[in-house]
Amino acid sequence: MTSRPLSPLADARTRLLAGRDAVAPVTLPPGQALGLAAAETVRAPHALPPTAVALRPGVAVASADLVGATPQAPALLPVAPPHVLIGAALPADADAVLPADAVAMSGPFAEIGQSAYPGENARKAGGDLSAGAVIVAAGGTVTAEVALALACAGIAEVAVRRPAIRIDAAAAPEAAFLARILAEAGCAVVEGAADLVITLAADVAAATHPDAILGLALQPGRDSALDLSGPTPRLVVAPRFDGLVAVLQGLVLPLVAVLAGRRPNSIERPLTAKVASHVGMTDLVLLAAEPQGWRPIATGQATLAALLAADAVALIAPDSEGLPAGAPLAATPLREPFEPR
């Protein structure tokens, strides 16, 4: 049986990804690694907090000393319980925190007229994070929450992968848009050596090497080209945002996933309305997330209004005439193109 030939886009993607490996990791402080992909799984080196801590200001008590205490039959303690502030470590024998006014002195004794349960207004040792718990998995994003956990665990540096991409273009809203999308995807937008070059050119053919793959049968972005003639792959795209969105989804983000050691994110939901696609073209579909599923906003095109309303994007294969309402469709969330940790 002969295999069906790849579509122009699928062929370009296969050739672009062939032989590509994840880029070498760099080590950064957590605050500088925000948005980047972790190069390895990082686990909590010890329990957090290491000892029980107070969750409110008050007095640190041992709940076992106050069993059955009431205003009519208060517990009498030979030593007044210590005052603590939020986040302060509790004494070894204490496991709860009560309001400061719960204590009244009665001669040499501290009188407490209420009981406390273990852990009341306190976080036990390991209550925030157990020793060995995964803070971020390899390929996961270093988010603000991850950076906080790393800092709380005393981890000063984290190994991350940051693909480098160069944008060759005159100053334009599309170039700024592309740079922002790439930065949010965990890439470094550079001016020198890069893992990928994206050239914005009004005349794609004139800006492309003769051996390049010209025309990807991608709608929008049908005239884009992939140039593999040099040591660094180069994508040539018309300076128009709709084609950029399609090329990002079809080629750029799959390459970034490989270079960063990540997995593309895909969420399957039913379509709330049919999608009509052009046979022979890979059609971009912009989708809005609704309780019933994906609502198609635009197919084969991307207006600014549609882009502003979209939550996800999908590509319809060129051998498809479309999909009926209710059909499942796997789509990539625009703001989370890679699987979260």
C-alpha atoms as a PDB file:
ATOM      1  CA  MET A   1       0.000   0.000   0.000  1.00  0.00           C
ATOM      2  CA  THR A   2       1.413   3.379  -0.981  1.00  0.00           C
ATOM      3  CA  SER A   3       1.318   6.056   1.664  1.00  0.00           C
ATOM      4  CA  ARG A   4      -0.583   9.238   1.011  1.00  0.00           C
ATOM      5  CA  PRO A   5       1.758  12.149   0.241  1.00  0.00           C
ATOM      6  CA  LEU A   6       2.122  14.792   2.918  1.00  0.00           C
ATOM      7  CA  SER A   7       0.367  18.113   2.480  1.00  0.00           C
ATOM      8  CA  PRO A   8       2.673  21.087   1.811  1.00  0.00           C
ATOM      9  CA  LEU A   9       2.308  22.254   5.417  1.00  0.00           C
ATOM     10  CA  ALA A  10       2.851  18.780   6.887  1.00  0.00           C
ATOM     11  CA  ASP A  11       5.874  18.274   4.616  1.00  0.00           C
ATOM     12  CA  ALA A  12       7.321  21.618   5.689  1.00  0.00           C
ATOM     13  CA  ARG A  13       6.738  20.777   9.363  1.00  0.00           C
ATOM     14  CA  THR A  14       8.378  17.360   9.000  1.00  0.00           C
ATOM     15  CA  ARG A  15      11.428  18.862   7.343  1.00  0.00           C
ATOM     16  CA  LEU A  16      11.617  21.720   9.833  1.00  0.00           C
ATOM     17  CA  LEU A  17      11.539  19.384  12.838  1.00  0.00           C
ATOM     18  CA  ALA A  18      13.775  16.677  11.387  1.00  0.00           C
ATOM     19  CA  GLY A  19      16.885  16.202  13.500  1.00  0.00           C
ATOM     20  CA  ARG A  20      15.965  18.994  15.910  1.00  0.00           C
ATOM     21  CA  ASP A  21      16.690  18.513  19.599  1.00  0.00           C
ATOM     22  CA  ALA A  22      15.994  20.565  22.673  1.00  0.00           C
ATOM     23  CA  VAL A  23      18.330  23.515  23.100  1.00  0.00           C
ATOM     24  CA  ALA A  24      20.947  23.441  25.848  1.00  0.00           C
ATOM     25  CA  PRO A  25      19.603  24.585  29.211  1.00  0.00           C
ATOM     26  CA  VAL A  26      20.657  27.780  30.932  1.00  0.00           C
ATOM     27  CA  THR A  27      20.544  28.366  34.685  1.00  0.00           C
ATOM     28  CA  LEU A  28      18.676  31.427  35.931  1.00  0.00           C
ATOM     29  CA  PRO A  29      17.259  32.769  39.186  1.00  0.00           C
ATOM     30  CA  PRO A  30      13.551  31.897  39.391  1.00  0.00           C
ATOM     31  CA  GLY A  31      12.508  35.516  38.910  1.00  0.00           C
ATOM     32  CA  GLN A  32      14.389  35.686  35.620  1.00  0.00           C
ATOM     33  CA  ALA A  33      13.052  32.332  34.420  1.00  0.00           C
ATOM     34  CA  LEU A  34       9.378  33.337  34.385  1.00  0.00           C
ATOM     35  CA  GLY A  35       7.575  32.017  31.333  1.00  0.00           C
ATOM     36  CA  LEU A  36      10.389  29.663  30.350  1.00  0.00           C
ATOM     37  CA  ALA A  37      10.352  25.854  30.178  1.00  0.00           C
ATOM     38  CA  ALA A  38      12.016  23.942  32.997  1.00  0.00           C
ATOM     39  CA  ALA A  39      14.813  21.741  31.663  1.00  0.00           C
ATOM     40  CA  GLU A  40      14.422  19.207  34.446  1.00  0.00           C
ATOM     41  CA  THR A  41      11.966  18.227  37.141  1.00  0.00           C
ATOM     42  CA  VAL A  42      12.516  20.200  40.342  1.00  0.00           C
ATOM     43  CA  ARG A  43      11.310  18.764  43.662  1.00  0.00           C
ATOM     44  CA  ALA A  44      11.015  20.306  47.082  1.00  0.00           C
ATOM     45  CA  PRO A  45      14.245  19.488  48.943  1.00  0.00           C
ATOM     46  CA  HIS A  46      12.454  19.511  52.295  1.00  0.00           C
ATOM     47  CA  ALA A  47       9.009  19.985  53.769  1.00  0.00           C
ATOM     48  CA  LEU A  48       7.467  23.456  53.653  1.00  0.00           C
ATOM     49  CA  PRO A  49       7.077  24.870  56.150  1.00  0.00           C
ATOM     50  CA  PRO A  50       9.811  22.915  57.952  1.00  0.00           C
ATOM     51  CA  THR A  51       7.967  23.403  61.261  1.00  0.00           C
ATOM     52  CA  ALA A  52       4.395  24.326  62.150  1.00  0.00           C
ATOM     53  CA  VAL A  53       3.698  28.056  61.691  1.00  0.00           C
ATOM     54  CA  ALA A  54       0.990  30.476  62.790  1.00  0.00           C
ATOM     55  CA  LEU A  55      -1.704  31.557  60.335  1.00  0.00           C
ATOM     56  CA  ARG A  56      -2.931  34.377  62.546  1.00  0.00           C
ATOM     57  CA  PRO A  57      -1.550  36.509  65.336  1.00  0.00           C
ATOM     58  CA  GLY A  58      -2.382  35.172  68.791  1.00  0.00           C
ATOM     59  CA  VAL A  59      -1.085  32.675  71.301  1.00  0.00           C
ATOM     60  CA  ALA A  60       0.443  29.297  70.477  1.00  0.00           C
ATOM     61  CA  VAL A  61      -1.194  26.471  72.412  1.00  0.00           C
ATOM     62  CA  ALA A  62      -1.195  22.683  72.610  1.00  0.00           C
ATOM     63  CA  SER A  63      -4.711  21.527  71.752  1.00  0.00           C
ATOM     64  CA  ALA A  64      -4.343  18.526  74.061  1.00  0.00           C
ATOM     65  CA  ASP A  65      -4.067  20.907  77.037  1.00  0.00           C
ATOM     66  CA  LEU A  66      -7.444  22.481  76.251  1.00  0.00           C
ATOM     67  CA  VAL A  67      -9.674  19.456  75.765  1.00  0.00           C
ATOM     68  CA  GLY A  68     -13.101  20.217  77.234  1.00  0.00           C
ATOM     69  CA  ALA A  69     -12.202  23.804  78.221  1.00  0.00           C
ATOM     70  CA  THR A  70     -15.218  26.157  78.461  1.00  0.00           C
ATOM     71  CA  PRO A  71     -15.784  29.592  79.981  1.00  0.00           C
ATOM     72  CA  GLN A  72     -17.399  27.841  82.950  1.00  0.00           C
ATOM     73  CA  ALA A  73     -14.586  25.284  83.287  1.00  0.00           C
ATOM     74  CA  PRO A  74     -11.452  26.886  81.846  1.00  0.00           C
ATOM     75  CA  ALA A  75      -8.144  25.117  81.481  1.00  0.00           C
ATOM     76  CA  LEU A  76      -5.430  26.369  83.809  1.00  0.00           C
ATOM     77  CA  LEU A  77      -1.888  26.433  82.431  1.00  0.00           C
ATOM     78  CA  PRO A  78       1.121  26.906  84.702  1.00  0.00           C
ATOM     79  CA  VAL A  79       2.886  28.985  82.025  1.00  0.00           C
ATOM     80  CA  ALA A  80       1.273  31.613  79.787  1.00  0.00           C
ATOM     81  CA  PRO A  81       1.344  30.521  76.121  1.00  0.00           C
ATOM     82  CA  PRO A  82       3.709  32.579  73.937  1.00  0.00           C
ATOM     83  CA  HIS A  83       2.458  35.234  71.552  1.00  0.00           C
ATOM     84  CA  VAL A  84       3.121  34.616  67.856  1.00  0.00           C
ATOM     85  CA  LEU A  85       2.677  36.556  64.623  1.00  0.00           C
ATOM     86  CA  ILE A  86       1.569  35.255  61.226  1.00  0.00           C
ATOM     87  CA  GLY A  87       4.235  32.989  59.777  1.00  0.00           C
ATOM     88  CA  ALA A  88       6.103  32.550  63.054  1.00  0.00           C
ATOM     89  CA  ALA A  89       7.261  29.050  63.977  1.00  0.00           C
ATOM     90  CA  LEU A  90       5.242  27.455  66.770  1.00  0.00           C
ATOM     91  CA  PRO A  91       6.961  25.962  69.819  1.00  0.00           C
ATOM     92  CA  ALA A  92       7.565  22.233  69.513  1.00  0.00           C
ATOM     93  CA  ASP A  93       4.661  21.364  71.839  1.00  0.00           C
ATOM     94  CA  ALA A  94       2.142  23.741  70.216  1.00  0.00           C
ATOM     95  CA  ASP A  95      -0.210  22.798  67.367  1.00  0.00           C
ATOM     96  CA  ALA A  96      -2.806  25.583  67.328  1.00  0.00           C
ATOM     97  CA  VAL A  97      -3.172  29.363  67.639  1.00  0.00           C
ATOM     98  CA  LEU A  98      -5.930  31.123  69.565  1.00  0.00           C
ATOM     99  CA  PRO A  99      -6.736  34.846  69.756  1.00  0.00           C
ATOM    100  CA  ALA A 100      -4.618  36.678  72.322  1.00  0.00           C
ATOM    101  CA  ASP A 101      -7.730  37.648  74.321  1.00  0.00           C
ATOM    102  CA  ALA A 102      -8.512  33.967  74.852  1.00  0.00           C
ATOM    103  CA  VAL A 103      -5.972  34.020  77.691  1.00  0.00           C
ATOM    104  CA  ALA A 104      -6.688  35.576  81.080  1.00  0.00           C
ATOM    105  CA  MET A 105      -4.264  35.475  83.983  1.00  0.00           C
ATOM    106  CA  SER A 106      -5.658  34.078  87.223  1.00  0.00           C
ATOM    107  CA  GLY A 107      -2.954  34.470  89.787  1.00  0.00           C
ATOM    108  CA  PRO A 108       0.068  32.446  88.647  1.00  0.00           C
ATOM    109  CA  PHE A 109      -1.996  30.510  86.092  1.00  0.00           C
ATOM    110  CA  ALA A 110      -3.028  31.264  82.520  1.00  0.00           C
ATOM    111  CA  GLU A 111      -6.746  30.659  82.156  1.00  0.00           C
ATOM    112  CA  ILE A 112      -8.188  29.662  78.747  1.00  0.00           C
ATOM    113  CA  GLY A 113     -11.921  29.157  78.513  1.00  0.00           C
ATOM    114  CA  GLN A 114     -12.116  27.491  75.082  1.00  0.00           C
ATOM    115  CA  SER A 115     -10.813  24.394  73.407  1.00  0.00           C
ATOM    116  CA  ALA A 116      -8.721  24.224  70.244  1.00  0.00           C
ATOM    117  CA  TYR A 117      -8.428  21.544  67.618  1.00  0.00           C
ATOM    118  CA  PRO A 118      -5.075  20.371  66.222  1.00  0.00           C
ATOM    119  CA  GLY A 119      -4.012  22.676  63.409  1.00  0.00           C
ATOM    120  CA  GLU A 120      -6.449  25.473  64.282  1.00  0.00           C
ATOM    121  CA  ASN A 121      -5.090  28.709  62.745  1.00  0.00           C
ATOM    122  CA  ALA A 122      -1.810  26.910  62.070  1.00  0.00           C
ATOM    123  CA  ARG A 123      -0.085  25.205  59.156  1.00  0.00           C
ATOM    124  CA  LYS A 124       1.588  21.977  60.160  1.00  0.00           C
ATOM    125  CA  ALA A 125       5.080  21.046  58.995  1.00  0.00           C
ATOM    126  CA  GLY A 126       4.879  20.035  55.346  1.00  0.00           C
ATOM    127  CA  GLY A 127       1.378  21.471  55.111  1.00  0.00           C
ATOM    128  CA  ASP A 128       2.283  23.734  52.200  1.00  0.00           C
ATOM    129  CA  LEU A 129       4.516  21.316  50.336  1.00  0.00           C
ATOM    130  CA  SER A 130       5.779  17.883  51.253  1.00  0.00           C
ATOM    131  CA  ALA A 131       9.426  16.910  50.867  1.00  0.00           C
ATOM    132  CA  GLY A 132      10.013  15.547  47.368  1.00  0.00           C
ATOM    133  CA  ALA A 133       6.857  17.084  45.897  1.00  0.00           C
ATOM    134  CA  VAL A 134       7.209  18.275  42.299  1.00  0.00           C
ATOM    135  CA  ILE A 135       7.486  22.046  42.092  1.00  0.00           C
ATOM    136  CA  VAL A 136       7.807  22.066  38.311  1.00  0.00           C
ATOM    137  CA  ALA A 137       8.082  19.132  35.915  1.00  0.00           C
ATOM    138  CA  ALA A 138      10.519  19.007  33.036  1.00  0.00           C
ATOM    139  CA  GLY A 139       8.956  20.980  30.206  1.00  0.00           C
ATOM    140  CA  GLY A 140       6.611  22.803  32.553  1.00  0.00           C
ATOM    141  CA  THR A 141       6.421  26.578  32.643  1.00  0.00           C
ATOM    142  CA  VAL A 142       8.121  28.559  35.378  1.00  0.00           C
ATOM    143  CA  THR A 143       5.113  30.581  36.493  1.00  0.00           C
ATOM    144  CA  ALA A 144       4.918  33.150  39.275  1.00  0.00           C
ATOM    145  CA  GLU A 145       3.622  30.380  41.540  1.00  0.00           C
ATOM    146  CA  VAL A 146       6.530  28.117  40.610  1.00  0.00           C
ATOM    147  CA  ALA A 147       9.017  30.922  41.256  1.00  0.00           C
ATOM    148  CA  LEU A 148       7.424  31.516  44.671  1.00  0.00           C
ATOM    149  CA  ALA A 149       7.668  27.833  45.597  1.00  0.00           C
ATOM    150  CA  LEU A 150      11.293  27.685  44.444  1.00  0.00           C
ATOM    151  CA  ALA A 151      12.160  30.731  46.521  1.00  0.00           C
ATOM    152  CA  CYS A 152      10.345  29.385  49.587  1.00  0.00           C
ATOM    153  CA  ALA A 153      12.240  26.108  49.191  1.00  0.00           C
ATOM    154  CA  GLY A 154      15.540  27.981  49.093  1.00  0.00           C
ATOM    155  CA  ILE A 155      16.258  27.050  45.474  1.00  0.00           C
ATOM    156  CA  ALA A 156      18.259  29.942  44.060  1.00  0.00           C
ATOM    157  CA  GLU A 157      18.550  28.798  40.430  1.00  0.00           C
ATOM    158  CA  VAL A 158      16.564  26.716  37.973  1.00  0.00           C
ATOM    159  CA  ALA A 159      17.654  25.169  34.672  1.00  0.00           C
ATOM    160  CA  VAL A 160      15.450  26.298  31.768  1.00  0.00           C
ATOM    161  CA  ARG A 161      15.368  26.065  27.985  1.00  0.00           C
ATOM    162  CA  ARG A 162      14.917  29.248  25.960  1.00  0.00           C
ATOM    163  CA  PRO A 163      14.888  28.891  22.154  1.00  0.00           C
ATOM    164  CA  ALA A 164      16.319  31.901  20.331  1.00  0.00           C
ATOM    165  CA  ILE A 165      14.368  33.376  17.418  1.00  0.00           C
ATOM    166  CA  ARG A 166      15.343  36.313  15.239  1.00  0.00           C
ATOM    167  CA  ILE A 167      12.764  38.474  13.522  1.00  0.00           C
ATOM    168  CA  ASP A 168      13.936  40.201  10.357  1.00  0.00           C
ATOM    169  CA  ALA A 169      11.450  42.961   9.722  1.00  0.00           C
ATOM    170  CA  ALA A 170      11.011  46.677   9.660  1.00  0.00           C
ATOM    171  CA  ALA A 171       9.271  48.172  12.662  1.00  0.00           C
ATOM    172  CA  ALA A 172       5.601  47.275  12.283  1.00  0.00           C
ATOM    173  CA  PRO A 173       2.674  46.247  14.488  1.00  0.00           C
ATOM    174  CA  GLU A 174       2.990  42.698  13.120  1.00  0.00           C
ATOM    175  CA  ALA A 175       6.657  42.449  14.132  1.00  0.00           C
ATOM    176  CA  ALA A 176       5.852  43.652  17.647  1.00  0.00           C
ATOM    177  CA  PHE A 177       2.916  41.223  17.818  1.00  0.00           C
ATOM    178  CA  LEU A 178       5.128  38.333  16.732  1.00  0.00           C
ATOM    179  CA  ALA A 179       7.852  39.253  19.234  1.00  0.00           C
ATOM    180  CA  ARG A 180       5.301  39.359  22.051  1.00  0.00           C
ATOM    181  CA  ILE A 181       3.788  35.984  21.151  1.00  0.00           C
ATOM    182  CA  LEU A 182       7.241  34.413  21.005  1.00  0.00           C
ATOM    183  CA  ALA A 183       8.252  35.923  24.346  1.00  0.00           C
ATOM    184  CA  GLU A 184       5.059  34.583  25.938  1.00  0.00           C
ATOM    185  CA  ALA A 185       5.918  31.169  24.478  1.00  0.00           C
ATOM    186  CA  GLY A 186       9.236  31.204  26.348  1.00  0.00           C
ATOM    187  CA  CYS A 187      11.515  32.263  23.502  1.00  0.00           C
ATOM    188  CA  ALA A 188      14.307  34.802  23.446  1.00  0.00           C
ATOM    189  CA  VAL A 189      13.852  37.264  20.585  1.00  0.00           C
ATOM    190  CA  VAL A 190      17.421  37.997  19.517  1.00  0.00           C
ATOM    191  CA  GLU A 191      19.285  40.017  16.917  1.00  0.00           C
ATOM    192  CA  GLY A 192      22.181  37.614  16.289  1.00  0.00           C
ATOM    193  CA  ALA A 193      22.542  33.842  16.103  1.00  0.00           C
ATOM    194  CA  ALA A 194      19.226  32.052  16.482  1.00  0.00           C
ATOM    195  CA  ASP A 195      17.506  28.686  16.274  1.00  0.00           C
ATOM    196  CA  LEU A 196      14.985  30.074  13.780  1.00  0.00           C
ATOM    197  CA  VAL A 197      14.744  33.214  11.675  1.00  0.00           C
ATOM    198  CA  ILE A 198      11.363  34.674  10.744  1.00  0.00           C
ATOM    199  CA  THR A 199      11.451  37.169   7.900  1.00  0.00           C
ATOM    200  CA  LEU A 200       8.494  39.433   7.221  1.00  0.00           C
ATOM    201  CA  ALA A 201       8.516  40.341   3.542  1.00  0.00           C
ATOM    202  CA  ALA A 202       5.809  41.772   1.311  1.00  0.00           C
ATOM    203  CA  ASP A 203       7.223  39.837  -1.656  1.00  0.00           C
ATOM    204  CA  VAL A 204       7.745  36.365  -0.202  1.00  0.00           C
ATOM    205  CA  ALA A 205       9.050  34.819  -3.418  1.00  0.00           C
ATOM    206  CA  ALA A 206      11.673  37.514  -3.912  1.00  0.00           C
ATOM    207  CA  ALA A 207      12.922  37.088  -0.339  1.00  0.00           C
ATOM    208  CA  THR A 208      13.208  33.310  -0.559  1.00  0.00           C
ATOM    209  CA  HIS A 209      16.040  31.017  -1.669  1.00  0.00           C
ATOM    210  CA  PRO A 210      15.253  29.125  -4.924  1.00  0.00           C
ATOM    211  CA  ASP A 211      15.366  25.784  -3.088  1.00  0.00           C
ATOM    212  CA  ALA A 212      12.882  26.836  -0.417  1.00  0.00           C
ATOM    213  CA  ILE A 213       9.428  25.338   0.056  1.00  0.00           C
ATOM    214  CA  LEU A 214       7.345  28.136  -1.429  1.00  0.00           C
ATOM    215  CA  GLY A 215       3.622  28.094  -0.760  1.00  0.00           C
ATOM    216  CA  LEU A 216       2.356  26.022   2.164  1.00  0.00           C
ATOM    217  CA  ALA A 217      -1.281  25.670   1.061  1.00  0.00           C
ATOM    218  CA  LEU A 218      -2.131  27.273   4.395  1.00  0.00           C
ATOM    219  CA  GLN A 219      -5.121  29.578   4.607  1.00  0.00           C
ATOM    220  CA  PRO A 220      -4.402  32.285   5.611  1.00  0.00           C
ATOM    221  CA  GLY A 221      -0.660  32.400   4.982  1.00  0.00           C
ATOM    222  CA  ARG A 222      -0.747  30.379   1.758  1.00  0.00           C
ATOM    223  CA  ASP A 223       2.242  32.199   0.232  1.00  0.00           C
ATOM    224  CA  SER A 224       4.554  31.680   3.211  1.00  0.00           C
ATOM    225  CA  ALA A 225       7.810  29.836   2.614  1.00  0.00           C
ATOM    226  CA  LEU A 226      10.258  27.650   4.521  1.00  0.00           C
ATOM    227  CA  ASP A 227      13.919  28.088   3.625  1.00  0.00           C
ATOM    228  CA  LEU A 228      16.236  25.294   4.807  1.00  0.00           C
ATOM    229  CA  SER A 229      19.149  26.162   2.507  1.00  0.00           C
ATOM    230  CA  GLY A 230      21.304  27.640   5.291  1.00  0.00           C
ATOM    231  CA  PRO A 231      22.455  26.449   8.707  1.00  0.00           C
ATOM    232  CA  THR A 232      19.488  28.161  10.377  1.00  0.00           C
ATOM    233  CA  PRO A 233      15.925  27.473   9.195  1.00  0.00           C
ATOM    234  CA  ARG A 234      14.108  30.557   7.954  1.00  0.00           C
ATOM    235  CA  LEU A 235      10.413  31.224   7.584  1.00  0.00           C
ATOM    236  CA  VAL A 236       9.355  33.946   5.182  1.00  0.00           C
ATOM    237  CA  VAL A 237       5.887  35.352   5.841  1.00  0.00           C
ATOM    238  CA  ALA A 238       3.967  38.304   4.489  1.00  0.00           C
ATOM    239  CA  PRO A 239       3.717  41.129   7.060  1.00  0.00           C
ATOM    240  CA  ARG A 240       0.045  40.554   7.829  1.00  0.00           C
ATOM    241  CA  PHE A 241      -1.195  39.297  11.192  1.00  0.00           C
ATOM    242  CA  ASP A 242      -3.597  36.647   9.848  1.00  0.00           C
ATOM    243  CA  GLY A 243      -0.884  34.760   7.992  1.00  0.00           C
ATOM    244  CA  LEU A 244       1.398  35.109  11.002  1.00  0.00           C
ATOM    245  CA  VAL A 245      -1.177  33.462  13.270  1.00  0.00           C
ATOM    246  CA  ALA A 246      -1.524  30.518  10.893  1.00  0.00           C
ATOM    247  CA  VAL A 247       2.246  30.057  10.445  1.00  0.00           C
ATOM    248  CA  LEU A 248       2.764  30.313  14.200  1.00  0.00           C
ATOM    249  CA  GLN A 249       0.327  27.472  14.786  1.00  0.00           C
ATOM    250  CA  GLY A 250       1.419  25.342  11.870  1.00  0.00           C
ATOM    251  CA  LEU A 251       5.208  25.638  12.092  1.00  0.00           C
ATOM    252  CA  VAL A 252       6.680  27.966  14.694  1.00  0.00           C
ATOM    253  CA  LEU A 253       5.078  26.655  17.883  1.00  0.00           C
ATOM    254  CA  PRO A 254       5.657  22.976  16.977  1.00  0.00           C
ATOM    255  CA  LEU A 255       9.352  23.824  16.549  1.00  0.00           C
ATOM    256  CA  VAL A 256       9.431  25.790  19.813  1.00  0.00           C
ATOM    257  CA  ALA A 257       7.910  22.786  21.602  1.00  0.00           C
ATOM    258  CA  VAL A 258      10.747  20.564  20.370  1.00  0.00           C
ATOM    259  CA  LEU A 259      13.465  23.103  21.159  1.00  0.00           C
ATOM    260  CA  ALA A 260      12.114  23.740  24.661  1.00  0.00           C
ATOM    261  CA  GLY A 261      11.368  20.106  25.506  1.00  0.00           C
ATOM    262  CA  ARG A 262       7.673  20.847  25.799  1.00  0.00           C
ATOM    263  CA  ARG A 263       4.460  19.190  24.684  1.00  0.00           C
ATOM    264  CA  PRO A 264       1.903  21.063  22.573  1.00  0.00           C
ATOM    265  CA  ASN A 265      -1.364  21.618  24.370  1.00  0.00           C
ATOM    266  CA  SER A 266      -4.505  20.240  22.767  1.00  0.00           C
ATOM    267  CA  ILE A 267      -8.033  20.275  24.154  1.00  0.00           C
ATOM    268  CA  GLU A 268     -10.761  18.284  22.428  1.00  0.00           C
ATOM    269  CA  ARG A 269     -14.321  19.592  22.593  1.00  0.00           C
ATOM    270  CA  PRO A 270     -17.379  19.266  20.339  1.00  0.00           C
ATOM    271  CA  LEU A 271     -18.116  21.928  17.770  1.00  0.00           C
ATOM    272  CA  THR A 272     -21.247  23.979  18.409  1.00  0.00           C
ATOM    273  CA  ALA A 273     -21.630  24.701  14.679  1.00  0.00           C
ATOM    274  CA  LYS A 274     -20.311  23.198  11.470  1.00  0.00           C
ATOM    275  CA  VAL A 275     -16.967  24.158   9.944  1.00  0.00           C
ATOM    276  CA  ALA A 276     -16.652  24.313   6.171  1.00  0.00           C
ATOM    277  CA  SER A 277     -13.114  23.818   4.896  1.00  0.00           C
ATOM    278  CA  HIS A 278     -11.447  24.081   1.494  1.00  0.00           C
ATOM    279  CA  VAL A 279     -10.170  20.781   0.092  1.00  0.00           C
ATOM    280  CA  GLY A 280      -6.502  21.109  -0.767  1.00  0.00           C
ATOM    281  CA  MET A 281      -5.874  23.822   1.820  1.00  0.00           C
ATOM    282  CA  THR A 282      -4.987  23.609   5.497  1.00  0.00           C
ATOM    283  CA  ASP A 283      -7.527  25.985   7.003  1.00  0.00           C
ATOM    284  CA  LEU A 284      -7.004  27.910  10.214  1.00  0.00           C
ATOM    285  CA  VAL A 285     -10.060  27.939  12.490  1.00  0.00           C
ATOM    286  CA  LEU A 286     -10.447  30.447  15.296  1.00  0.00           C
ATOM    287  CA  LEU A 287     -12.659  29.212  18.121  1.00  0.00           C
ATOM    288  CA  ALA A 288     -14.430  30.655  21.140  1.00  0.00           C
ATOM    289  CA  ALA A 289     -14.833  28.514  24.254  1.00  0.00           C
ATOM    290  CA  GLU A 290     -18.462  28.084  25.293  1.00  0.00           C
ATOM    291  CA  PRO A 291     -20.061  25.711  27.825  1.00  0.00           C
ATOM    292  CA  GLN A 292     -21.287  23.463  25.008  1.00  0.00           C
ATOM    293  CA  GLY A 293     -17.916  23.298  23.228  1.00  0.00           C
ATOM    294  CA  TRP A 294     -15.924  25.183  20.585  1.00  0.00           C
ATOM    295  CA  ARG A 295     -17.847  27.842  18.652  1.00  0.00           C
ATOM    296  CA  PRO A 296     -16.233  28.553  15.263  1.00  0.00           C
ATOM    297  CA  ILE A 297     -15.574  32.255  14.743  1.00  0.00           C
ATOM    298  CA  ALA A 298     -13.659  32.240  11.458  1.00  0.00           C
ATOM    299  CA  THR A 299     -12.350  29.585   9.076  1.00  0.00           C
ATOM    300  CA  GLY A 300      -9.612  30.202   6.531  1.00  0.00           C
ATOM    301  CA  GLN A 301      -9.270  33.786   7.633  1.00  0.00           C
ATOM    302  CA  ALA A 302      -8.495  35.818  10.734  1.00  0.00           C
ATOM    303  CA  THR A 303      -9.839  39.308  11.198  1.00  0.00           C
ATOM    304  CA  LEU A 304      -8.790  41.412  14.154  1.00  0.00           C
ATOM    305  CA  ALA A 305     -12.314  41.098  15.575  1.00  0.00           C
ATOM    306  CA  ALA A 306     -12.138  37.292  15.325  1.00  0.00           C
ATOM    307  CA  LEU A 307      -8.670  37.203  16.854  1.00  0.00           C
ATOM    308  CA  LEU A 308      -9.793  39.332  19.786  1.00  0.00           C
ATOM    309  CA  ALA A 309     -12.752  37.011  20.427  1.00  0.00           C
ATOM    310  CA  ALA A 310     -10.866  33.718  19.990  1.00  0.00           C
ATOM    311  CA  ASP A 311      -9.808  31.409  22.811  1.00  0.00           C
ATOM    312  CA  ALA A 312      -8.294  28.615  20.736  1.00  0.00           C
ATOM    313  CA  VAL A 313      -7.134  27.717  17.263  1.00  0.00           C
ATOM    314  CA  ALA A 314      -7.150  24.563  15.150  1.00  0.00           C
ATOM    315  CA  LEU A 315      -5.920  23.541  11.716  1.00  0.00           C
ATOM    316  CA  ILE A 316      -8.227  21.563   9.417  1.00  0.00           C
ATOM    317  CA  ALA A 317      -6.397  19.045   7.225  1.00  0.00           C
ATOM    318  CA  PRO A 318      -6.425  19.721   3.461  1.00  0.00           C
ATOM    319  CA  ASP A 319      -8.227  16.449   2.672  1.00  0.00           C
ATOM    320  CA  SER A 320     -11.239  17.516   4.751  1.00  0.00           C
ATOM    321  CA  GLU A 321     -14.315  19.369   3.547  1.00  0.00           C
ATOM    322  CA  GLY A 322     -15.018  20.395   7.114  1.00  0.00           C
ATOM    323  CA  LEU A 323     -16.722  19.076  10.227  1.00  0.00           C
ATOM    324  CA  PRO A 324     -20.378  18.945  11.274  1.00  0.00           C
ATOM    325  CA  ALA A 325     -21.763  20.443  14.436  1.00  0.00           C
ATOM    326  CA  GLY A 326     -21.121  18.119  17.366  1.00  0.00           C
ATOM    327  CA  ALA A 327     -17.953  16.657  15.875  1.00  0.00           C
ATOM    328  CA  PRO A 328     -14.977  16.583  18.271  1.00  0.00           C
ATOM    329  CA  LEU A 329     -12.177  18.989  17.417  1.00  0.00           C
ATOM    330  CA  ALA A 330      -8.789  19.170  19.115  1.00  0.00           C
ATOM    331  CA  ALA A 331      -7.685  22.782  19.426  1.00  0.00           C
ATOM    332  CA  THR A 332      -4.760  24.662  20.944  1.00  0.00           C
ATOM    333  CA  PRO A 333      -5.578  27.367  23.514  1.00  0.00           C
ATOM    334  CA  LEU A 334      -4.148  30.644  22.253  1.00  0.00           C
ATOM    335  CA  ARG A 335      -2.797  31.642  25.638  1.00  0.00           C
ATOM    336  CA  GLU A 336      -1.573  28.176  26.659  1.00  0.00           C
ATOM    337  CA  PRO A 337      -0.032  26.610  23.549  1.00  0.00           C
ATOM    338  CA  PHE A 338       1.911  24.110  25.643  1.00  0.00           C
ATOM    339  CA  GLU A 339       0.634  21.677  28.225  1.00  0.00           C
ATOM    340  CA  PRO A 340       0.586  23.191  31.698  1.00  0.00           C
ATOM    341  CA  ARG A 341       2.593  21.450  34.387  1.00  0.00           C
END
